[in-house]
C-alpha cells in the first residue's frame, strides 16, 4: 500500500505546490503600481472602486457594486463554493490615510505615485491598505489558475471610508465620513461571511486584539469683546479658561494611561485638537474654546465605561469651575476587537506563515482601530494580518516586494484550507 501523501499547511502537498506555482510576482508589482497611482482619499474612492470591480470581474467572480453615496462604493466579489462550507472574506479599505497634497509630508510614500526602489514599492496607500487588496486579488487568481474547487465561499470586499476621521461642526461632507462607513454599509446590506481576514499593515504579525476609540469634546465659554475693551477681563475669556481645563485634563490623562494599560501597551489619551477664535479676527476674544480628546479603549473595557470615566472628569471640572460654561460631548465610539488564539483561521495563518517564511508568526495587540470593530459586532470572527515593512518614518508608506509575494501565498493557502479547496 502506498504511503499517505504528506500534507503541508493543512492541504495535500501537491495541491499546495500547484497553488503556489500560480502566484505571479510581476503581476503583483504591476497591480500595486496601478492602485497607488489612483488617488483615493476618503470620500473620493470612486475611481479605485471602478478599478477593483474590473480586476475582480476578470477573475470570473460574481461582483456586486454597493453605492455607499455618490462617488463612493463598496465592491463585493464572491466565489461561491459547491456546498455549505465555511465562508471567508478578505476585507480591505480603498481610502488612504492622507490625500497626497499635504505640504508637510514630502516622502515618496506619501504621494499617489508608485516608485520602486531597492526591492520596495513606495506610494500612498501601499500598506494602508491597497497592497492587501492586491494580495487578496492575486491569492484568488492563484486558486483560480490552479483549477481548484471550493466547498465554502471566498469573498473579497473592497470598501470605502475606513480611515479614522469623522464629521463634526463645520467639517462636513463625505471626505470626513470614515471610521468604518463602508463596512457598516456592507454588513447592514446582507454580506455576512463566517470569518474575515483584514490585511491592515501588521508587519506580518497576527493581531489578535486591538483597542477601541472614544472621541470627546470639552468646551469652555467666555466673554466676546474687542481687544480694546478686554482690559482687566482676561480671566473671563474662553481661552484663559481653557488653560485651566487643559492643565486638569493633562493631569487626568496620567490616570487614564495607567487604568487602560493592556497587552503590553500603556493607555493613550491624545489631545488631538485645540480650537478657538479666528486668525482673521484676533482683535476679538473667542466666545468658545474646544478641546478634543482621543481616548484609546482596551478591548476589555466597554465604551459605556470609558464614557463614564471621561464624564466623571467633566463633572469634576464643572464643580471646580462652575462659571466656565463647560460642555461635554462624545462624538466617536468604536469598540475594540478580539479573536481567540486557537481560532481555526488564526491557526491556518500561523501554519502557512511558517511554511512560506520559515519563521513562526508573531502575535500583537495594537492601539489602532480597524473594521474588525464592525465585523465582530456582527459575529464575524476577524483577524488582522497584512503586509507592511518596518516602522513608519519620513519616507511614508512602503512595502518590500518579497513581503507582498509571501503574503499573497499565505492568503491563498489559508483560503484554500478554510474553504475546502480540492481538485
Protein backbone atom coordinates (compact mmCIF):
# COMPACT_ATOMS: atom_id res chain seq x y z
CA UNK A 1 0.00 0.00 0.00
CA UNK A 2 1.31 3.44 -0.91
CA UNK A 3 2.19 5.74 1.95
CA UNK A 4 -0.36 8.54 2.50
CA UNK A 5 0.54 11.79 0.80
CA UNK A 6 2.26 14.24 3.11
CA UNK A 7 0.19 17.31 3.99
CA UNK A 8 1.62 20.80 4.37
CA UNK A 9 -0.27 23.83 5.69
CA UNK A 10 -3.42 21.73 6.07
CA UNK A 11 -3.51 20.93 2.34
CA UNK A 12 -2.14 17.98 0.36
CA UNK A 13 1.42 18.92 -0.62
CA UNK A 14 0.81 18.63 -4.36
CA UNK A 15 -2.25 20.88 -4.16
CA UNK A 16 -0.35 23.49 -2.14
CA UNK A 17 2.53 23.42 -4.63
CA UNK A 18 0.12 23.79 -7.52
CA UNK A 19 -1.47 26.86 -5.94
CA UNK A 20 1.86 28.47 -5.04
CA UNK A 21 3.17 27.99 -8.58
CA UNK A 22 0.44 30.35 -9.82
CA UNK A 23 1.50 33.34 -7.66
CA UNK A 24 2.99 35.81 -10.14
CA UNK A 25 5.35 38.45 -8.70
CA UNK A 26 5.50 40.75 -11.77
CA UNK A 27 1.71 40.93 -11.92
CA UNK A 28 1.50 41.67 -8.20
CA UNK A 29 4.00 44.52 -8.62
CA UNK A 30 2.16 45.86 -11.66
CA UNK A 31 -1.19 45.95 -9.86
CA UNK A 32 0.39 47.59 -6.80
CA UNK A 33 1.66 50.39 -9.02
CA UNK A 34 -1.77 50.73 -10.65
CA UNK A 35 -3.64 51.16 -7.38
CA UNK A 36 -1.11 53.56 -5.87
CA UNK A 37 -1.42 55.73 -8.98
CA UNK A 38 -5.19 56.11 -8.43
CA UNK A 39 -5.68 58.82 -5.77
CA UNK A 40 -8.43 57.74 -3.37
CA UNK A 41 -8.56 59.85 -0.21
CA UNK A 42 -11.61 59.34 1.98
CA UNK A 43 -14.71 60.46 0.08
CA UNK A 44 -13.11 60.01 -3.35
CA UNK A 45 -12.89 56.23 -3.67
CA UNK A 46 -14.93 56.02 -6.91
CA UNK A 47 -12.09 55.53 -9.40
CA UNK A 48 -10.40 52.99 -7.19
CA UNK A 49 -13.70 51.10 -6.86
CA UNK A 50 -14.08 51.01 -10.66
CA UNK A 51 -10.56 49.60 -10.96
CA UNK A 52 -11.23 46.88 -8.36
CA UNK A 53 -14.54 45.99 -9.99
CA UNK A 54 -12.86 45.42 -13.34
CA UNK A 55 -9.96 43.45 -11.81
CA UNK A 56 -12.28 41.15 -9.87
CA UNK A 57 -14.61 40.62 -12.81
CA UNK A 58 -11.63 39.49 -14.89
CA UNK A 59 -11.19 36.67 -12.37
CA UNK A 60 -14.70 35.46 -13.14
CA UNK A 61 -16.08 36.38 -9.74
CA UNK A 62 -19.66 37.47 -9.10
CA UNK A 63 -19.22 41.20 -8.41
CA UNK A 64 -21.72 43.46 -6.65
CA UNK A 65 -21.50 47.26 -6.63
CA UNK A 66 -22.76 48.83 -3.40
CA UNK A 67 -23.14 52.59 -3.77
CA UNK A 68 -22.49 53.97 -0.30
CA UNK A 69 -23.13 57.52 -1.51
CA UNK A 70 -22.49 59.49 -4.68
CA UNK A 71 -18.92 58.89 -5.85
CA UNK A 72 -18.29 56.20 -3.24
CA UNK A 73 -18.91 52.48 -3.42
CA UNK A 74 -18.05 49.11 -1.97
CA UNK A 75 -17.05 46.38 -4.41
CA UNK A 76 -18.04 42.90 -3.23
CA UNK A 77 -16.74 39.91 -5.21
CA UNK A 78 -17.87 36.38 -4.44
CA UNK A 79 -16.63 32.95 -5.49
CA UNK A 80 -19.42 30.59 -4.48
CA UNK A 81 -18.49 27.21 -3.10
CA UNK A 82 -20.16 23.98 -4.12
CA UNK A 83 -21.70 23.26 -0.74
CA UNK A 84 -22.25 24.80 2.67
CA UNK A 85 -18.65 25.07 3.76
CA UNK A 86 -17.30 27.96 5.79
CA UNK A 87 -17.12 31.31 4.03
CA UNK A 88 -14.06 33.54 4.26
CA UNK A 89 -13.87 37.24 3.46
CA UNK A 90 -10.80 39.28 2.62
CA UNK A 91 -11.73 42.84 3.56
CA UNK A 92 -9.76 45.96 2.69
CA UNK A 93 -10.41 49.68 2.51
CA UNK A 94 -9.71 51.75 -0.58
CA UNK A 95 -9.37 55.16 1.06
CA UNK A 96 -5.91 56.37 2.03
CA UNK A 97 -4.69 57.87 5.29
CA UNK A 98 -3.69 61.12 3.59
CA UNK A 99 -4.62 62.97 0.41
CA UNK A 100 -1.14 63.27 -1.06
CA UNK A 101 -1.40 67.07 -1.05
CA UNK A 102 -0.15 67.69 2.50
CA UNK A 103 2.84 70.05 2.17
CA UNK A 104 4.46 68.73 5.35
CA UNK A 105 4.51 65.12 4.06
CA UNK A 106 7.26 65.03 1.45
CA UNK A 107 8.40 61.39 1.41
CA UNK A 108 7.86 59.20 -1.66
CA UNK A 109 5.43 57.04 0.29
CA UNK A 110 3.08 59.95 0.98
CA UNK A 111 2.32 60.56 -2.71
CA UNK A 112 -0.13 58.75 -5.02
CA UNK A 113 2.68 57.89 -7.42
CA UNK A 114 4.32 54.47 -7.31
CA UNK A 115 8.10 54.26 -7.05
CA UNK A 116 10.11 51.03 -6.97
CA UNK A 117 13.48 51.33 -5.22
CA UNK A 118 15.77 48.75 -3.60
CA UNK A 119 13.17 46.00 -3.74
CA UNK A 120 10.49 48.17 -2.12
CA UNK A 121 7.32 49.72 -3.51
CA UNK A 122 6.71 53.27 -2.25
CA UNK A 123 3.44 55.13 -2.57
CA UNK A 124 0.38 56.40 -0.75
CA UNK A 125 -1.86 53.52 0.29
CA UNK A 126 0.54 50.67 -0.41
CA UNK A 127 0.35 49.40 3.17
CA UNK A 128 -2.86 51.08 4.33
CA UNK A 129 -4.17 49.13 2.63
CA UNK A 130 -4.08 48.87 -1.15
CA UNK A 131 -1.26 46.35 -1.03
CA UNK A 132 -3.54 43.94 0.83
CA UNK A 133 -6.26 44.39 -1.80
CA UNK A 134 -3.71 43.41 -4.45
CA UNK A 135 -2.63 40.37 -2.41
CA UNK A 136 -6.25 39.26 -1.98
CA UNK A 137 -6.86 39.56 -5.70
CA UNK A 138 -3.77 37.58 -6.64
CA UNK A 139 -4.37 34.94 -3.98
CA UNK A 140 -7.77 34.24 -5.56
CA UNK A 141 -6.20 34.42 -9.03
CA UNK A 142 -3.71 31.71 -7.99
CA UNK A 143 -6.54 29.49 -6.73
CA UNK A 144 -8.48 30.01 -9.95
CA UNK A 145 -5.50 29.26 -12.17
CA UNK A 146 -4.69 26.18 -10.10
CA UNK A 147 -8.13 24.87 -11.07
CA UNK A 148 -9.39 24.24 -7.55
CA UNK A 149 -12.98 23.89 -6.46
CA UNK A 150 -14.31 25.12 -3.15
CA UNK A 151 -16.74 23.83 -0.55
CA UNK A 152 -17.25 27.28 1.02
CA UNK A 153 -17.33 30.79 -0.41
CA UNK A 154 -14.44 33.22 -0.78
CA UNK A 155 -15.44 36.90 -0.72
CA UNK A 156 -13.33 39.96 -1.40
CA UNK A 157 -14.70 43.21 0.00
CA UNK A 158 -13.09 46.44 -1.20
CA UNK A 159 -14.74 49.07 0.98
CA UNK A 160 -14.96 52.85 1.27
CA UNK A 161 -14.36 55.04 4.28
CA UNK A 162 -12.39 53.16 6.92
CA UNK A 163 -9.82 55.81 7.87
CA UNK A 164 -10.18 57.28 11.37
CA UNK A 165 -11.98 60.53 10.69
CA UNK A 166 -15.49 61.86 11.23
CA UNK A 167 -17.79 64.81 10.68
CA UNK A 168 -18.00 67.44 13.38
CA UNK A 169 -19.24 71.03 13.39
CA UNK A 170 -18.24 72.83 10.19
CA UNK A 171 -16.26 69.80 8.99
CA UNK A 172 -18.99 68.23 6.91
CA UNK A 173 -19.13 66.13 3.78
CA UNK A 174 -18.10 62.74 2.50
CA UNK A 175 -14.38 63.48 2.92
CA UNK A 176 -14.99 63.27 6.67
CA UNK A 177 -17.18 60.17 6.64
CA UNK A 178 -14.76 57.42 7.59
CA UNK A 179 -14.38 55.19 10.65
CA UNK A 180 -15.91 52.12 9.02
CA UNK A 181 -18.73 53.65 6.99
CA UNK A 182 -18.17 51.25 4.07
CA UNK A 183 -18.00 48.08 6.14
CA UNK A 184 -21.03 49.20 8.17
CA UNK A 185 -22.93 49.54 4.89
CA UNK A 186 -21.69 46.17 3.67
CA UNK A 187 -22.78 44.11 6.67
CA UNK A 188 -26.03 46.06 7.01
CA UNK A 189 -26.83 45.02 3.44
CA UNK A 190 -26.52 41.29 3.71
CA UNK A 191 -22.83 40.45 3.26
CA UNK A 192 -22.19 38.13 6.21
CA UNK A 193 -19.20 35.78 5.94
CA UNK A 194 -18.31 33.35 8.70
CA UNK A 195 -14.85 34.83 9.16
CA UNK A 196 -12.67 37.60 7.82
CA UNK A 197 -9.02 38.45 7.26
CA UNK A 198 -8.17 42.15 7.34
CA UNK A 199 -4.83 42.91 5.71
CA UNK A 200 -4.08 46.01 7.75
CA UNK A 201 -0.35 46.86 7.99
CA UNK A 202 0.70 44.47 10.77
CA UNK A 203 4.26 43.71 9.54
CA UNK A 204 3.08 40.11 9.05
CA UNK A 205 2.21 39.79 12.74
CA UNK A 206 -1.10 38.19 13.69
CA UNK A 207 -3.04 40.86 15.56
CA UNK A 208 -5.43 39.10 17.91
CA UNK A 209 -6.65 42.25 19.69
CA UNK A 210 -6.88 45.94 19.10
CA UNK A 211 -8.03 48.88 21.18
CA UNK A 212 -11.18 50.86 20.52
CA UNK A 213 -11.53 54.64 20.43
CA UNK A 214 -13.73 57.26 22.08
CA UNK A 215 -13.56 60.88 20.91
CA UNK A 216 -14.50 63.51 23.48
CA UNK A 217 -15.09 67.28 23.30
CA UNK A 218 -14.84 69.56 26.33
CA UNK A 219 -15.59 73.25 25.75
CA UNK A 220 -15.33 76.46 27.72
CA UNK A 221 -17.28 79.69 27.16
CA UNK A 222 -16.27 83.26 27.92
CA UNK A 223 -16.83 86.92 27.09
CA UNK A 224 -16.82 88.09 23.49
CA UNK A 225 -15.39 91.60 23.24
CA UNK A 226 -12.99 93.71 21.19
CA UNK A 227 -9.40 93.51 22.49
CA UNK A 228 -9.53 97.24 23.31
CA UNK A 229 -12.28 96.55 25.85
CA UNK A 230 -10.82 93.39 27.37
CA UNK A 231 -8.59 95.21 29.80
CA UNK A 232 -8.77 93.56 33.23
CA UNK A 233 -11.09 90.84 31.96
CA UNK A 234 -8.60 88.33 30.56
CA UNK A 235 -9.54 85.60 33.05
CA UNK A 236 -13.10 85.65 31.70
CA UNK A 237 -12.12 84.70 28.14
CA UNK A 238 -12.72 81.17 26.88
CA UNK A 239 -9.06 80.69 26.04
CA UNK A 240 -7.77 81.58 29.52
CA UNK A 241 -10.43 79.34 30.98
CA UNK A 242 -9.38 76.56 28.61
CA UNK A 243 -5.87 76.71 30.04
CA UNK A 244 -7.24 75.78 33.45
CA UNK A 245 -9.21 72.93 31.88
CA UNK A 246 -6.23 71.80 29.81
CA UNK A 247 -3.99 71.59 32.87
CA UNK A 248 -6.58 69.42 34.62
CA UNK A 249 -7.04 67.19 31.57
CA UNK A 250 -3.29 66.64 31.21
CA UNK A 251 -3.13 65.53 34.84
CA UNK A 252 -6.13 63.23 34.34
CA UNK A 253 -4.56 61.58 31.29
CA UNK A 254 -1.86 60.11 33.53
CA UNK A 255 -4.56 58.23 35.44
CA UNK A 256 -6.23 57.12 32.23
CA UNK A 257 -2.97 55.80 30.81
CA UNK A 258 -2.41 53.63 33.87
CA UNK A 259 -6.01 52.44 34.10
CA UNK A 260 -6.20 51.41 30.44
CA UNK A 261 -2.78 49.78 30.08
CA UNK A 262 -3.28 46.47 28.28
CA UNK A 263 -1.49 43.96 26.10
CA UNK A 264 1.93 45.40 26.78
CA UNK A 265 0.83 48.94 25.90
CA UNK A 266 0.35 51.97 28.10
CA UNK A 267 -3.05 53.57 27.67
CA UNK A 268 -3.40 56.62 25.43
CA UNK A 269 -5.32 59.88 25.85
CA UNK A 270 -4.32 62.09 22.94
CA UNK A 271 -5.17 65.80 22.98
CA UNK A 272 -5.74 65.82 19.26
CA UNK A 273 -7.10 69.32 18.73
CA UNK A 274 -7.45 72.69 20.44
CA UNK A 275 -9.69 75.19 18.71
CA UNK A 276 -10.78 78.76 19.47
CA UNK A 277 -11.35 82.05 17.68
CA UNK A 278 -10.37 83.06 14.16
CA UNK A 279 -6.92 84.02 12.85
CA UNK A 280 -8.52 86.69 10.66
CA UNK A 281 -10.04 88.41 13.70
CA UNK A 282 -7.58 88.22 16.57
CA UNK A 283 -8.92 91.55 17.80
CA UNK A 284 -11.82 89.66 19.38
CA UNK A 285 -11.85 87.35 22.38
CA UNK A 286 -13.31 84.00 21.28
CA UNK A 287 -16.60 83.22 22.96
CA UNK A 288 -15.81 79.48 22.99
CA UNK A 289 -12.76 77.21 23.10
CA UNK A 290 -12.82 73.47 22.35
CA UNK A 291 -10.54 70.65 23.45
CA UNK A 292 -10.76 67.30 21.65
CA UNK A 293 -9.52 64.02 23.12
CA UNK A 294 -8.93 60.62 21.52
CA UNK A 295 -9.18 58.01 24.25
CA UNK A 296 -7.89 54.58 23.26
CA UNK A 297 -10.08 51.99 24.97
CA UNK A 298 -8.76 48.46 25.68
CA UNK A 299 -10.94 45.62 24.39
CA UNK A 300 -11.67 44.62 28.00
CA UNK A 301 -13.41 47.96 28.71
CA UNK A 302 -16.84 48.83 27.37
CA UNK A 303 -17.30 52.13 25.60
CA UNK A 304 -20.00 52.99 28.12
CA UNK A 305 -17.47 52.64 30.93
CA UNK A 306 -14.95 54.73 29.01
CA UNK A 307 -17.57 57.45 28.55
CA UNK A 308 -18.40 57.35 32.28
CA UNK A 309 -14.71 57.85 33.09
CA UNK A 310 -14.49 60.86 30.77
CA UNK A 311 -17.76 62.28 32.05
CA UNK A 312 -16.55 61.95 35.65
CA UNK A 313 -13.62 64.18 34.69
CA UNK A 314 -16.07 66.67 33.20
CA UNK A 315 -18.21 66.67 36.38
CA UNK A 316 -15.15 67.44 38.48
CA UNK A 317 -14.28 70.32 36.16
CA UNK A 318 -17.83 71.65 36.48
CA UNK A 319 -17.54 71.63 40.28
CA UNK A 320 -14.17 73.36 40.16
CA UNK A 321 -15.12 75.92 37.51
CA UNK A 322 -18.89 76.48 37.72
CA UNK A 323 -18.76 79.77 35.80
CA UNK A 324 -16.87 78.49 32.77
CA UNK A 325 -19.94 77.37 30.76
CA UNK A 326 -18.44 73.92 30.29
CA UNK A 327 -19.83 71.50 27.70
CA UNK A 328 -19.20 67.78 27.16
CA UNK A 329 -19.78 65.57 24.13
CA UNK A 330 -18.68 62.17 22.84
CA UNK A 331 -18.84 62.02 19.05
CA UNK A 332 -16.95 58.86 18.00
CA UNK A 333 -17.35 55.47 19.66
CA UNK A 334 -15.54 52.49 18.13
CA UNK A 335 -15.21 49.29 20.19
CA UNK A 336 -12.09 47.18 20.42
CA UNK A 337 -11.92 43.75 18.83
CA UNK A 338 -10.53 40.34 19.78
CA UNK A 339 -10.21 36.85 18.33
CA UNK A 340 -9.16 33.67 20.12
CA UNK A 341 -5.60 32.49 19.60
CA UNK A 342 -6.86 28.97 18.85
CA UNK A 343 -9.38 30.03 16.19
CA UNK A 344 -9.03 27.83 13.05
CA UNK A 345 -8.37 30.91 10.90
CA UNK A 346 -5.56 32.04 13.20
CA UNK A 347 -4.04 28.56 13.28
CA UNK A 348 -4.21 28.30 9.48
CA UNK A 349 -2.47 31.67 9.05
CA UNK A 350 0.22 30.67 11.53
CA UNK A 351 0.89 27.36 9.80
CA UNK A 352 1.04 28.91 6.36
CA UNK A 353 3.20 31.79 7.59
CA UNK A 354 5.67 29.23 8.95
CA UNK A 355 5.65 27.29 5.68
CA UNK A 356 6.24 30.32 3.45
CA UNK A 357 8.63 32.39 5.59
CA UNK A 358 10.35 29.63 7.55
CA UNK A 359 9.63 31.53 10.77
CA UNK A 360 6.78 31.49 13.30
CA UNK A 361 4.29 34.33 13.07
CA UNK A 362 4.45 36.90 15.84
CA UNK A 363 1.37 37.97 17.80
CA UNK A 364 0.48 41.55 18.67
CA UNK A 365 -2.04 43.75 20.41
CA UNK A 366 -2.27 47.19 18.79
CA UNK A 367 -3.62 50.61 19.70
CA UNK A 368 -5.09 51.39 16.28
CA UNK A 369 -8.65 50.51 15.25
CA UNK A 370 -9.77 48.52 12.22
CA UNK A 371 -13.00 47.36 10.62
CA UNK A 372 -12.79 44.34 12.91
CA UNK A 373 -14.70 46.65 15.27
CA UNK A 374 -17.64 46.41 12.87
CA UNK A 375 -17.28 42.82 11.74
CA UNK A 376 -17.03 41.28 15.19
CA UNK A 377 -20.23 43.05 16.27
CA UNK A 378 -21.98 41.02 13.55
CA UNK A 379 -20.48 37.76 14.89
CA UNK A 380 -17.93 37.64 12.05
CA UNK A 381 -14.66 36.35 13.51
CA UNK A 382 -11.97 38.72 12.26
CA UNK A 383 -8.17 38.80 12.43
CA UNK A 384 -5.74 41.47 11.26
CA UNK A 385 -2.76 40.12 9.31
CA UNK A 386 -1.21 42.06 6.48
CA UNK A 387 1.79 43.44 4.62
CA UNK A 388 3.98 46.30 5.77
CA UNK A 389 7.72 46.66 6.20
CA UNK A 390 9.08 48.24 9.32
CA UNK A 391 8.32 51.37 11.33
CA UNK A 392 6.56 54.44 9.94
CA UNK A 393 9.05 57.17 9.08
CA UNK A 394 9.59 60.26 6.95
CA UNK A 395 9.64 58.18 3.76
CA UNK A 396 5.95 57.37 4.19
CA UNK A 397 4.30 54.15 3.05
CA UNK A 398 6.45 51.39 1.60
CA UNK A 399 6.35 47.59 1.42
CA UNK A 400 9.00 45.07 0.46
CA UNK A 401 8.02 43.25 -2.74
CA UNK A 402 9.09 39.98 -1.10
CA UNK A 403 6.58 40.64 1.69
CA UNK A 404 3.75 41.21 -0.79
CA UNK A 405 4.53 37.95 -2.59
CA UNK A 406 4.79 35.98 0.66
CA UNK A 407 1.52 37.39 2.00
CA UNK A 408 -0.22 36.52 -1.27
CA UNK A 409 0.94 32.91 -0.94
CA UNK A 410 -0.15 32.75 2.70
CA UNK A 411 -3.58 34.19 1.87
CA UNK A 412 -4.03 31.70 -0.98
CA UNK A 413 -3.13 28.64 1.11
CA UNK A 414 -5.22 29.85 4.06
CA UNK A 415 -8.29 30.44 1.89
CA UNK A 416 -7.85 27.05 0.24
CA UNK A 417 -7.64 25.32 3.61
CA UNK A 418 -10.53 27.12 5.30
CA UNK A 419 -12.87 26.94 2.30
CA UNK A 420 -12.20 23.28 1.49
CA UNK A 421 -10.30 23.58 -1.77
CA UNK A 422 -9.92 20.43 -3.86
CA UNK A 423 -9.32 19.46 -7.47
